[in-house]
Protein backbone atom coordinates (compact mmCIF):
# COMPACT_ATOMS: atom_id res chain seq x y z
CA UNK A 1 -4.42 28.76 -6.82
CA UNK A 2 -7.27 27.77 -4.53
CA UNK A 3 -6.84 24.36 -2.84
CA UNK A 4 -9.84 24.34 -0.49
CA UNK A 5 -11.92 21.17 -0.60
CA UNK A 6 -15.71 21.32 -0.43
CA UNK A 7 -17.16 20.12 2.86
CA UNK A 8 -17.41 16.33 3.05
CA UNK A 9 -14.79 15.67 0.37
CA UNK A 10 -11.74 13.72 1.49
CA UNK A 11 -8.52 14.09 -0.44
CA UNK A 12 -5.82 11.50 -1.09
CA UNK A 13 -4.12 12.04 2.28
CA UNK A 14 -7.37 11.69 4.20
CA UNK A 15 -8.37 8.55 2.30
CA UNK A 16 -4.90 7.04 2.81
CA UNK A 17 -5.00 7.64 6.57
CA UNK A 18 -8.57 6.32 6.82
CA UNK A 19 -7.60 3.13 4.95
CA UNK A 20 -4.44 2.62 7.03
CA UNK A 21 -6.57 2.89 10.17
CA UNK A 22 -9.08 0.43 8.73
CA UNK A 23 -6.26 -2.05 8.04
CA UNK A 24 -4.92 -1.56 11.57
CA UNK A 25 -8.34 -2.27 13.00
CA UNK A 26 -8.93 -5.33 10.81
CA UNK A 27 -5.47 -6.95 11.17
CA UNK A 28 -3.16 -4.97 13.44
CA UNK A 29 -0.33 -7.53 13.54
CA UNK A 30 -0.42 -8.27 9.82
CA UNK A 31 -0.46 -4.58 8.89
CA UNK A 32 2.30 -3.55 11.29
CA UNK A 33 4.54 -6.50 10.29
CA UNK A 34 4.03 -6.26 6.53
CA UNK A 35 7.57 -4.89 6.05
CA UNK A 36 9.34 -7.36 8.38
CA UNK A 37 10.25 -9.93 5.74
CA UNK A 38 9.98 -10.61 2.03
CA UNK A 39 7.37 -13.29 2.76
CA UNK A 40 5.21 -10.89 4.75
CA UNK A 41 5.56 -8.21 2.09
CA UNK A 42 4.57 -10.73 -0.60
CA UNK A 43 1.44 -11.61 1.40
CA UNK A 44 0.63 -7.91 1.80
CA UNK A 45 1.17 -7.11 -1.87
CA UNK A 46 -0.86 -10.15 -2.98
CA UNK A 47 -3.71 -9.01 -0.76
CA UNK A 48 -3.49 -5.53 -2.22
CA UNK A 49 -3.76 -7.05 -5.70
CA UNK A 50 -6.78 -9.13 -4.61
CA UNK A 51 -8.38 -5.97 -3.24
CA UNK A 52 -7.78 -4.03 -6.46
CA UNK A 53 -9.15 -6.87 -8.57
CA UNK A 54 -12.39 -7.33 -6.64
CA UNK A 55 -12.87 -3.56 -6.31
CA UNK A 56 -12.68 -3.30 -10.08
CA UNK A 57 -15.03 -6.27 -10.61
CA UNK A 58 -17.62 -4.84 -8.21
CA UNK A 59 -17.10 -1.26 -9.39
CA UNK A 60 -16.33 0.01 -5.89
CA UNK A 61 -13.50 2.21 -4.71
CA UNK A 62 -10.40 0.35 -3.50
CA UNK A 63 -10.59 2.07 -0.11
CA UNK A 64 -13.76 0.06 0.64
CA UNK A 65 -11.92 -3.30 0.40
CA UNK A 66 -9.91 -5.04 3.15
CA UNK A 67 -8.31 -8.47 2.69
CA UNK A 68 -7.40 -10.37 5.88
CA UNK A 69 -6.69 -13.94 6.99
CA UNK A 70 -9.79 -16.10 6.89
CA UNK A 71 -10.09 -17.61 10.38
CA UNK A 72 -12.19 -20.53 9.07
CA UNK A 73 -10.47 -21.61 5.87
CA UNK A 74 -6.94 -22.66 4.98
CA UNK A 75 -5.30 -23.36 1.63
CA UNK A 76 -2.40 -25.56 0.71
CA UNK A 77 0.64 -23.66 -0.51
CA UNK A 78 3.81 -25.18 -1.95
CA UNK A 79 5.26 -26.41 1.31
CA UNK A 80 2.70 -25.55 4.00
CA UNK A 81 -0.85 -24.60 4.82
CA UNK A 82 -1.71 -20.89 4.81
CA UNK A 83 -4.80 -18.96 5.88
CA UNK A 84 -7.25 -18.21 3.12
CA UNK A 85 -8.28 -14.70 2.19
CA UNK A 86 -11.35 -13.10 3.72
CA UNK A 87 -12.35 -10.11 1.63
CA UNK A 88 -14.57 -7.49 3.23
CA UNK A 89 -16.16 -4.69 1.21
CA UNK A 90 -17.68 -1.91 3.30
CA UNK A 91 -20.32 0.35 1.82
CA UNK A 92 -19.46 3.79 3.13
CA UNK A 93 -23.00 5.13 2.65
CA UNK A 94 -24.84 2.34 4.46
CA UNK A 95 -22.10 0.69 6.53
CA UNK A 96 -23.12 -2.71 5.16
CA UNK A 97 -20.37 -5.31 5.05
CA UNK A 98 -20.06 -7.71 2.12
CA UNK A 99 -17.79 -10.71 2.69
CA UNK A 100 -16.17 -12.85 0.02
CA UNK A 101 -13.68 -15.70 -0.21
CA UNK A 102 -11.73 -16.80 -3.27
CA UNK A 103 -13.51 -19.13 -5.67
CA UNK A 104 -11.04 -21.92 -6.32
CA UNK A 105 -12.75 -22.79 -9.60
CA UNK A 106 -11.40 -19.56 -11.11
CA UNK A 107 -8.71 -18.15 -8.78
CA UNK A 108 -8.16 -14.42 -8.97
CA UNK A 109 -11.16 -13.75 -11.18
CA UNK A 110 -14.20 -14.91 -9.21
CA UNK A 111 -15.20 -15.00 -5.56
CA UNK A 112 -17.80 -16.64 -3.37
CA UNK A 113 -20.19 -14.26 -1.62
CA UNK A 114 -20.71 -15.22 2.00
CA UNK A 115 -24.23 -14.85 3.33
CA UNK A 116 -26.31 -16.30 6.12
CA UNK A 117 -28.19 -19.56 5.69
CA UNK A 118 -31.90 -18.72 5.63
CA UNK A 119 -32.63 -21.67 7.95
CA UNK A 120 -29.84 -21.96 10.56
CA UNK A 121 -28.08 -18.59 10.17
CA UNK A 122 -24.61 -20.07 9.52
CA UNK A 123 -22.34 -18.13 7.19
CA UNK A 124 -22.21 -19.99 3.87
CA UNK A 125 -20.85 -19.36 0.37
CA UNK A 126 -24.07 -18.36 -1.36
CA UNK A 127 -23.15 -17.15 -4.87
CA UNK A 128 -20.29 -17.05 -7.36
CA UNK A 129 -19.40 -13.47 -8.22
CA UNK A 130 -17.27 -12.40 -11.15
CA UNK A 131 -18.78 -8.93 -11.40
CA UNK A 132 -21.49 -6.59 -10.23
CA UNK A 133 -24.20 -8.31 -12.30
CA UNK A 134 -23.62 -11.61 -10.47
CA UNK A 135 -24.10 -9.89 -7.11
CA UNK A 136 -27.22 -8.19 -8.46
CA UNK A 137 -28.61 -11.49 -9.71
CA UNK A 138 -28.12 -13.06 -6.29
CA UNK A 139 -29.73 -10.11 -4.52
CA UNK A 140 -32.65 -10.13 -6.94
CA UNK A 141 -33.35 -13.86 -6.51
CA UNK A 142 -32.33 -14.10 -2.85
CA UNK A 143 -32.23 -17.48 -1.22
CA UNK A 144 -34.55 -19.33 -3.58
CA UNK A 145 -33.57 -23.00 -3.28
CA UNK A 146 -32.21 -23.24 -6.83
CA UNK A 147 -30.49 -19.83 -6.77
CA UNK A 148 -27.67 -20.82 -4.40
CA UNK A 149 -24.49 -22.56 -5.48
CA UNK A 150 -23.71 -26.15 -4.51
CA UNK A 151 -21.15 -25.01 -1.89
CA UNK A 152 -24.03 -23.41 0.04
CA UNK A 153 -25.36 -26.84 0.92
CA UNK A 154 -22.17 -28.25 2.46
CA UNK A 155 -23.47 -29.97 5.59
CA UNK A 156 -20.32 -29.13 7.58
CA UNK A 157 -21.12 -25.41 7.33
CA UNK A 158 -24.62 -25.67 8.80
CA UNK A 159 -26.16 -26.41 12.18
CA UNK A 160 -26.74 -30.17 12.66
CA UNK A 161 -30.51 -29.95 12.20
CA UNK A 162 -30.50 -27.47 9.30
CA UNK A 163 -32.89 -28.33 6.48
CA UNK A 164 -30.90 -26.32 3.93
CA UNK A 165 -28.12 -28.89 3.49
CA UNK A 166 -27.50 -31.07 0.44
CA UNK A 167 -29.23 -34.12 1.90
CA UNK A 168 -32.23 -32.08 3.03
CA UNK A 169 -32.33 -30.39 -0.39
CA UNK A 170 -32.37 -33.76 -2.15
CA UNK A 171 -35.32 -34.79 0.03
CA UNK A 172 -37.10 -31.55 -0.95
CA UNK A 173 -36.54 -32.30 -4.65
CA UNK A 174 -37.84 -35.85 -4.24
CA UNK A 175 -40.94 -34.55 -2.44
CA UNK A 176 -41.55 -32.02 -5.21
CA UNK A 177 -41.23 -34.73 -7.86
CA UNK A 178 -43.63 -36.98 -5.97
CA UNK A 179 -46.19 -34.17 -5.68
CA UNK A 180 -46.20 -33.54 -9.44
CA UNK A 181 -49.00 -35.25 -11.25
CA UNK A 182 -48.12 -37.34 -14.31
CA UNK A 183 -48.34 -35.56 -17.62
CA UNK A 184 -51.54 -36.05 -19.52
CA UNK A 185 -51.60 -36.09 -23.24
CA UNK A 186 -50.81 -38.11 -26.26
CA UNK A 187 -47.70 -39.00 -28.13
CA UNK A 188 -45.66 -36.34 -29.85
């Protein structure tokens, strides 16, 4: 039986080692300590489940997904505060990183895509994603003012003078309404 792989094809062992190295690079302490206690193993296995779920939703291979502690967001657990999940999907062909956080409106089934504010450059939750079509819709419409989710306009996420915040957006809407001429025409 011939077991040679064509050039450029990585088998299970190669993919497993590559993913272990990626986890070590992303969260060395968390990865190395995942077997130290039941609590740490539960965190590790939950993250693995999150990775499998989003990989399936986005139709990407699981070895492109890494789930780590979110350094900016915390969540309340039963008896304490815990770091949130930061989900990073790496496109192997382009090297582009896609970052997501859990969407608390539908835990475990939707995520918030993180992208840069088009005005101040801060990282903001820009779109709700339940599947590949949602990501495609966001990419197709970009940062049109009405395309982004409400969480994108949270003033605490932006630079102090950013005009992309909720209050600045309300001013933009009011200006647009004021610029519209009254409707002409008769009664219906």
